[in-house]
Amino acid sequence: MTASTYNVLFICTGNSARSIMAEAILNQMGAGRFRAWSAGSHPAGAVNPHAIDLLERNRFKTTGLRSKNWDEFATADAPHMDFVLTVCDKAAGEVCPVWPGQPMSAHWGVEDPAAVKGSNEVIQRAFNDCFIVMNRRIALLTVLPIEKLNKLALKKELADIGQVKA
């Protein structure tokens, strides 16, 4: 796989928290080498305010983040994706659309912080935990020697990153 910039699509069900955070983190951390987007199979229609607050407190750009349907990325005029990464704990069993160009895919499941009920402290902890895991996984992705790995080795590396907890 050779590219000057790798396009990555993060998918979850609601596209309001996990995939949104992943999009923002990779766009900043991988600037120049990666370009990220996010989408949901059943988008919530709005980005969770806890996700925005957490990103901004950690100095990540939030301008332009929005909840969107994965159909936007399955059209002929959509950007070609090099990687499609599912980040929800339920996405592994969902049927994903066929992506043009057959991008490399992996499952990086994380519990949905937007589904957590309880006190503000409990909810904040869930968002923080998700952010820490996604930040760590994305940091590992950005240092992968993608150009030097064959497809099988790259697939294994992506799967291994999906098992990293923090």
C-alpha atoms as a PDB file:
ATOM      1  CA  MET A   1       0.000   0.000   0.000  1.00  0.00           C
ATOM      2  CA  THR A   2       1.527   3.292  -1.031  1.00  0.00           C
ATOM      3  CA  ALA A   3      -0.089   6.662  -0.581  1.00  0.00           C
ATOM      4  CA  SER A   4       1.022  10.103   0.407  1.00  0.00           C
ATOM      5  CA  THR A   5      -2.107  10.477   2.541  1.00  0.00           C
ATOM      6  CA  TYR A   6      -4.169   7.559   3.818  1.00  0.00           C
ATOM      7  CA  ASN A   7      -7.936   8.031   4.016  1.00  0.00           C
ATOM      8  CA  VAL A   8      -9.576   6.466   7.064  1.00  0.00           C
ATOM      9  CA  LEU A   9     -13.281   6.065   7.825  1.00  0.00           C
ATOM     10  CA  PHE A  10     -14.308   5.342  11.420  1.00  0.00           C
ATOM     11  CA  ILE A  11     -17.745   3.738  11.710  1.00  0.00           C
ATOM     12  CA  CYS A  12     -20.023   3.219  14.681  1.00  0.00           C
ATOM     13  CA  THR A  13     -23.759   3.008  15.090  1.00  0.00           C
ATOM     14  CA  GLY A  14     -24.740   6.542  16.143  1.00  0.00           C
ATOM     15  CA  ASN A  15     -21.741   8.597  14.965  1.00  0.00           C
ATOM     16  CA  SER A  16     -22.106  10.887  17.947  1.00  0.00           C
ATOM     17  CA  ALA A  17     -19.134  10.045  20.185  1.00  0.00           C
ATOM     18  CA  ARG A  18     -16.586   7.254  19.513  1.00  0.00           C
ATOM     19  CA  SER A  19     -16.167   7.651  15.774  1.00  0.00           C
ATOM     20  CA  ILE A  20     -16.374  11.436  16.057  1.00  0.00           C
ATOM     21  CA  MET A  21     -13.563  11.462  18.632  1.00  0.00           C
ATOM     22  CA  ALA A  22     -11.507   9.122  16.428  1.00  0.00           C
ATOM     23  CA  GLU A  23     -12.019  11.392  13.408  1.00  0.00           C
ATOM     24  CA  ALA A  24     -10.850  14.473  15.321  1.00  0.00           C
ATOM     25  CA  ILE A  25      -7.899  12.715  16.942  1.00  0.00           C
ATOM     26  CA  LEU A  26      -6.561  11.185  13.725  1.00  0.00           C
ATOM     27  CA  ASN A  27      -7.026  14.367  11.699  1.00  0.00           C
ATOM     28  CA  GLN A  28      -4.845  16.215  14.179  1.00  0.00           C
ATOM     29  CA  MET A  29      -2.399  13.496  15.223  1.00  0.00           C
ATOM     30  CA  GLY A  30      -1.926  12.132  11.719  1.00  0.00           C
ATOM     31  CA  ALA A  31      -2.018  15.442   9.861  1.00  0.00           C
ATOM     32  CA  GLY A  32      -0.314  15.133   6.506  1.00  0.00           C
ATOM     33  CA  ARG A  33      -0.180  11.338   6.579  1.00  0.00           C
ATOM     34  CA  PHE A  34      -3.840  10.546   7.356  1.00  0.00           C
ATOM     35  CA  ARG A  35      -7.210  12.123   6.596  1.00  0.00           C
ATOM     36  CA  ALA A  36     -10.095  10.852   8.715  1.00  0.00           C
ATOM     37  CA  TRP A  37     -13.871  10.864   8.499  1.00  0.00           C
ATOM     38  CA  SER A  38     -16.551   9.225  10.598  1.00  0.00           C
ATOM     39  CA  ALA A  39     -20.046   7.915   9.956  1.00  0.00           C
ATOM     40  CA  GLY A  40     -22.771   5.806  11.497  1.00  0.00           C
ATOM     41  CA  SER A  41     -25.077   3.054  10.371  1.00  0.00           C
ATOM     42  CA  HIS A  42     -27.891   4.801  12.291  1.00  0.00           C
ATOM     43  CA  PRO A  43     -26.540   8.308  12.927  1.00  0.00           C
ATOM     44  CA  ALA A  44     -27.835  10.189  15.950  1.00  0.00           C
ATOM     45  CA  GLY A  45     -28.053  13.374  13.909  1.00  0.00           C
ATOM     46  CA  ALA A  46     -25.957  15.380  16.354  1.00  0.00           C
ATOM     47  CA  VAL A  47     -22.554  15.113  17.965  1.00  0.00           C
ATOM     48  CA  ASN A  48     -22.716  14.362  21.673  1.00  0.00           C
ATOM     49  CA  PRO A  49     -21.820  17.533  23.619  1.00  0.00           C
ATOM     50  CA  HIS A  50     -19.643  15.500  26.023  1.00  0.00           C
ATOM     51  CA  ALA A  51     -17.504  14.396  23.063  1.00  0.00           C
ATOM     52  CA  ILE A  52     -17.103  17.977  21.843  1.00  0.00           C
ATOM     53  CA  ASP A  53     -16.250  19.224  25.329  1.00  0.00           C
ATOM     54  CA  LEU A  54     -13.657  16.480  25.860  1.00  0.00           C
ATOM     55  CA  LEU A  55     -12.014  17.092  22.487  1.00  0.00           C
ATOM     56  CA  GLU A  56     -11.851  20.835  23.069  1.00  0.00           C
ATOM     57  CA  ARG A  57     -10.430  20.411  26.590  1.00  0.00           C
ATOM     58  CA  ASN A  58      -7.684  18.275  25.030  1.00  0.00           C
ATOM     59  CA  ARG A  59      -7.052  20.898  22.340  1.00  0.00           C
ATOM     60  CA  PHE A  60      -8.467  18.958  19.396  1.00  0.00           C
ATOM     61  CA  LYS A  61     -10.251  20.841  16.632  1.00  0.00           C
ATOM     62  CA  THR A  62     -14.007  20.302  16.545  1.00  0.00           C
ATOM     63  CA  THR A  63     -14.967  22.612  13.690  1.00  0.00           C
ATOM     64  CA  GLY A  64     -16.942  20.758  11.041  1.00  0.00           C
ATOM     65  CA  LEU A  65     -17.619  17.638  13.110  1.00  0.00           C
ATOM     66  CA  ARG A  66     -21.105  16.329  12.445  1.00  0.00           C
ATOM     67  CA  SER A  67     -23.093  13.121  12.751  1.00  0.00           C
ATOM     68  CA  LYS A  68     -23.480  11.554   9.313  1.00  0.00           C
ATOM     69  CA  ASN A  69     -24.694   8.390   7.610  1.00  0.00           C
ATOM     70  CA  TRP A  70     -22.175   5.956   6.168  1.00  0.00           C
ATOM     71  CA  ASP A  71     -24.073   6.156   2.862  1.00  0.00           C
ATOM     72  CA  GLU A  72     -22.200   9.439   2.217  1.00  0.00           C
ATOM     73  CA  PHE A  73     -19.014   7.404   1.865  1.00  0.00           C
ATOM     74  CA  ALA A  74     -20.393   4.621  -0.320  1.00  0.00           C
ATOM     75  CA  THR A  75     -21.078   6.807  -3.357  1.00  0.00           C
ATOM     76  CA  ALA A  76     -18.969   6.965  -6.496  1.00  0.00           C
ATOM     77  CA  ASP A  77     -17.871  10.546  -5.778  1.00  0.00           C
ATOM     78  CA  ALA A  78     -16.892   9.888  -2.127  1.00  0.00           C
ATOM     79  CA  PRO A  79     -13.212   9.892  -1.172  1.00  0.00           C
ATOM     80  CA  HIS A  80     -11.432   6.575  -1.755  1.00  0.00           C
ATOM     81  CA  MET A  81     -10.921   4.921   1.641  1.00  0.00           C
ATOM     82  CA  ASP A  82      -7.691   3.105   2.426  1.00  0.00           C
ATOM     83  CA  PHE A  83      -8.959   1.961   5.841  1.00  0.00           C
ATOM     84  CA  VAL A  84     -12.411   1.418   7.330  1.00  0.00           C
ATOM     85  CA  LEU A  85     -12.331   0.912  11.110  1.00  0.00           C
ATOM     86  CA  THR A  86     -15.408   0.009  13.135  1.00  0.00           C
ATOM     87  CA  VAL A  87     -15.231   1.391  16.670  1.00  0.00           C
ATOM     88  CA  CYS A  88     -18.483   0.313  18.281  1.00  0.00           C
ATOM     89  CA  ASP A  89     -18.986  -2.775  20.351  1.00  0.00           C
ATOM     90  CA  LYS A  90     -21.927  -3.838  18.188  1.00  0.00           C
ATOM     91  CA  ALA A  91     -20.475  -3.004  14.756  1.00  0.00           C
ATOM     92  CA  ALA A  92     -18.609  -6.296  14.340  1.00  0.00           C
ATOM     93  CA  GLY A  93     -21.963  -8.020  13.759  1.00  0.00           C
ATOM     94  CA  GLU A  94     -23.432  -5.336  11.507  1.00  0.00           C
ATOM     95  CA  VAL A  95     -23.487  -5.596   7.759  1.00  0.00           C
ATOM     96  CA  CYS A  96     -21.263  -2.858   6.321  1.00  0.00           C
ATOM     97  CA  PRO A  97     -21.615  -1.600   2.769  1.00  0.00           C
ATOM     98  CA  VAL A  98     -19.153  -2.711   0.137  1.00  0.00           C
ATOM     99  CA  TRP A  99     -16.542   0.018  -0.052  1.00  0.00           C
ATOM    100  CA  PRO A 100     -15.086   1.048  -3.412  1.00  0.00           C
ATOM    101  CA  GLY A 101     -11.524  -0.159  -3.804  1.00  0.00           C
ATOM    102  CA  GLN A 102     -11.817  -2.740  -1.008  1.00  0.00           C
ATOM    103  CA  PRO A 103     -10.130  -0.798   1.801  1.00  0.00           C
ATOM    104  CA  MET A 104      -8.306  -2.543   4.616  1.00  0.00           C
ATOM    105  CA  SER A 105     -10.685  -2.996   7.541  1.00  0.00           C
ATOM    106  CA  ALA A 106     -10.484  -3.849  11.230  1.00  0.00           C
ATOM    107  CA  HIS A 107     -12.690  -3.786  14.296  1.00  0.00           C
ATOM    108  CA  TRP A 108     -11.589  -1.487  17.145  1.00  0.00           C
ATOM    109  CA  GLY A 109     -14.569  -1.946  19.467  1.00  0.00           C
ATOM    110  CA  VAL A 110     -15.051   0.494  22.336  1.00  0.00           C
ATOM    111  CA  GLU A 111     -18.017   0.727  24.695  1.00  0.00           C
ATOM    112  CA  ASP A 112     -20.388   3.541  23.799  1.00  0.00           C
ATOM    113  CA  PRO A 113     -19.945   6.389  26.283  1.00  0.00           C
ATOM    114  CA  ALA A 114     -23.099   8.033  24.914  1.00  0.00           C
ATOM    115  CA  ALA A 115     -25.116   5.057  26.192  1.00  0.00           C
ATOM    116  CA  VAL A 116     -23.835   5.377  29.767  1.00  0.00           C
ATOM    117  CA  LYS A 117     -26.418   6.425  32.351  1.00  0.00           C
ATOM    118  CA  GLY A 118     -25.683   7.880  35.738  1.00  0.00           C
ATOM    119  CA  SER A 119     -24.193  10.929  37.341  1.00  0.00           C
ATOM    120  CA  ASN A 120     -22.245  13.499  35.370  1.00  0.00           C
ATOM    121  CA  GLU A 121     -19.077  12.031  36.920  1.00  0.00           C
ATOM    122  CA  VAL A 122     -19.924   8.530  35.667  1.00  0.00           C
ATOM    123  CA  ILE A 123     -20.677   9.843  32.177  1.00  0.00           C
ATOM    124  CA  GLN A 124     -17.482  11.927  32.092  1.00  0.00           C
ATOM    125  CA  ARG A 125     -15.462   8.872  33.142  1.00  0.00           C
ATOM    126  CA  ALA A 126     -16.985   6.824  30.307  1.00  0.00           C
ATOM    127  CA  PHE A 127     -16.102   9.523  27.771  1.00  0.00           C
ATOM    128  CA  ASN A 128     -12.587   9.879  29.220  1.00  0.00           C
ATOM    129  CA  ASP A 129     -12.028   6.104  29.069  1.00  0.00           C
ATOM    130  CA  CYS A 130     -13.170   5.994  25.440  1.00  0.00           C
ATOM    131  CA  PHE A 131     -10.986   8.981  24.557  1.00  0.00           C
ATOM    132  CA  ILE A 132      -7.900   7.414  26.168  1.00  0.00           C
ATOM    133  CA  VAL A 133      -8.374   4.130  24.306  1.00  0.00           C
ATOM    134  CA  MET A 134      -8.999   5.825  20.945  1.00  0.00           C
ATOM    135  CA  ASN A 135      -6.078   8.202  21.454  1.00  0.00           C
ATOM    136  CA  ARG A 136      -3.714   5.295  22.198  1.00  0.00           C
ATOM    137  CA  ARG A 137      -4.910   3.198  19.250  1.00  0.00           C
ATOM    138  CA  ILE A 138      -4.642   6.114  16.851  1.00  0.00           C
ATOM    139  CA  ALA A 139      -1.142   6.936  18.113  1.00  0.00           C
ATOM    140  CA  LEU A 140      -0.159   3.350  17.262  1.00  0.00           C
ATOM    141  CA  LEU A 141      -1.759   3.631  13.811  1.00  0.00           C
ATOM    142  CA  THR A 142       0.154   6.812  13.020  1.00  0.00           C
ATOM    143  CA  VAL A 143       3.529   5.145  13.609  1.00  0.00           C
ATOM    144  CA  LEU A 144       2.822   1.963  11.641  1.00  0.00           C
ATOM    145  CA  PRO A 145       5.283   1.491   8.758  1.00  0.00           C
ATOM    146  CA  ILE A 146       2.339   0.951   6.385  1.00  0.00           C
ATOM    147  CA  GLU A 147       4.437   1.189   3.227  1.00  0.00           C
ATOM    148  CA  LYS A 148       6.712  -1.627   4.438  1.00  0.00           C
ATOM    149  CA  LEU A 149       3.987  -4.092   5.474  1.00  0.00           C
ATOM    150  CA  ASN A 150       2.320  -6.602   3.191  1.00  0.00           C
ATOM    151  CA  LYS A 151      -1.494  -6.823   3.362  1.00  0.00           C
ATOM    152  CA  LEU A 152      -1.544  -9.789   5.729  1.00  0.00           C
ATOM    153  CA  ALA A 153       0.915  -8.176   8.156  1.00  0.00           C
ATOM    154  CA  LEU A 154      -0.966  -4.870   7.998  1.00  0.00           C
ATOM    155  CA  LYS A 155      -4.284  -6.616   8.668  1.00  0.00           C
ATOM    156  CA  LYS A 156      -2.750  -8.293  11.744  1.00  0.00           C
ATOM    157  CA  GLU A 157      -1.283  -5.006  13.007  1.00  0.00           C
ATOM    158  CA  LEU A 158      -4.654  -3.273  12.650  1.00  0.00           C
ATOM    159  CA  ALA A 159      -6.407  -6.115  14.477  1.00  0.00           C
ATOM    160  CA  ASP A 160      -3.786  -6.017  17.251  1.00  0.00           C
ATOM    161  CA  ILE A 161      -4.242  -2.260  17.657  1.00  0.00           C
ATOM    162  CA  GLY A 162      -7.970  -2.918  18.081  1.00  0.00           C
ATOM    163  CA  GLN A 163      -7.178  -4.965  21.191  1.00  0.00           C
ATOM    164  CA  VAL A 164      -5.221  -2.175  22.926  1.00  0.00           C
ATOM    165  CA  LYS A 165      -7.120  -0.881  25.939  1.00  0.00           C
ATOM    166  CA  ALA A 166      -4.994   2.070  27.054  1.00  0.00           C
END
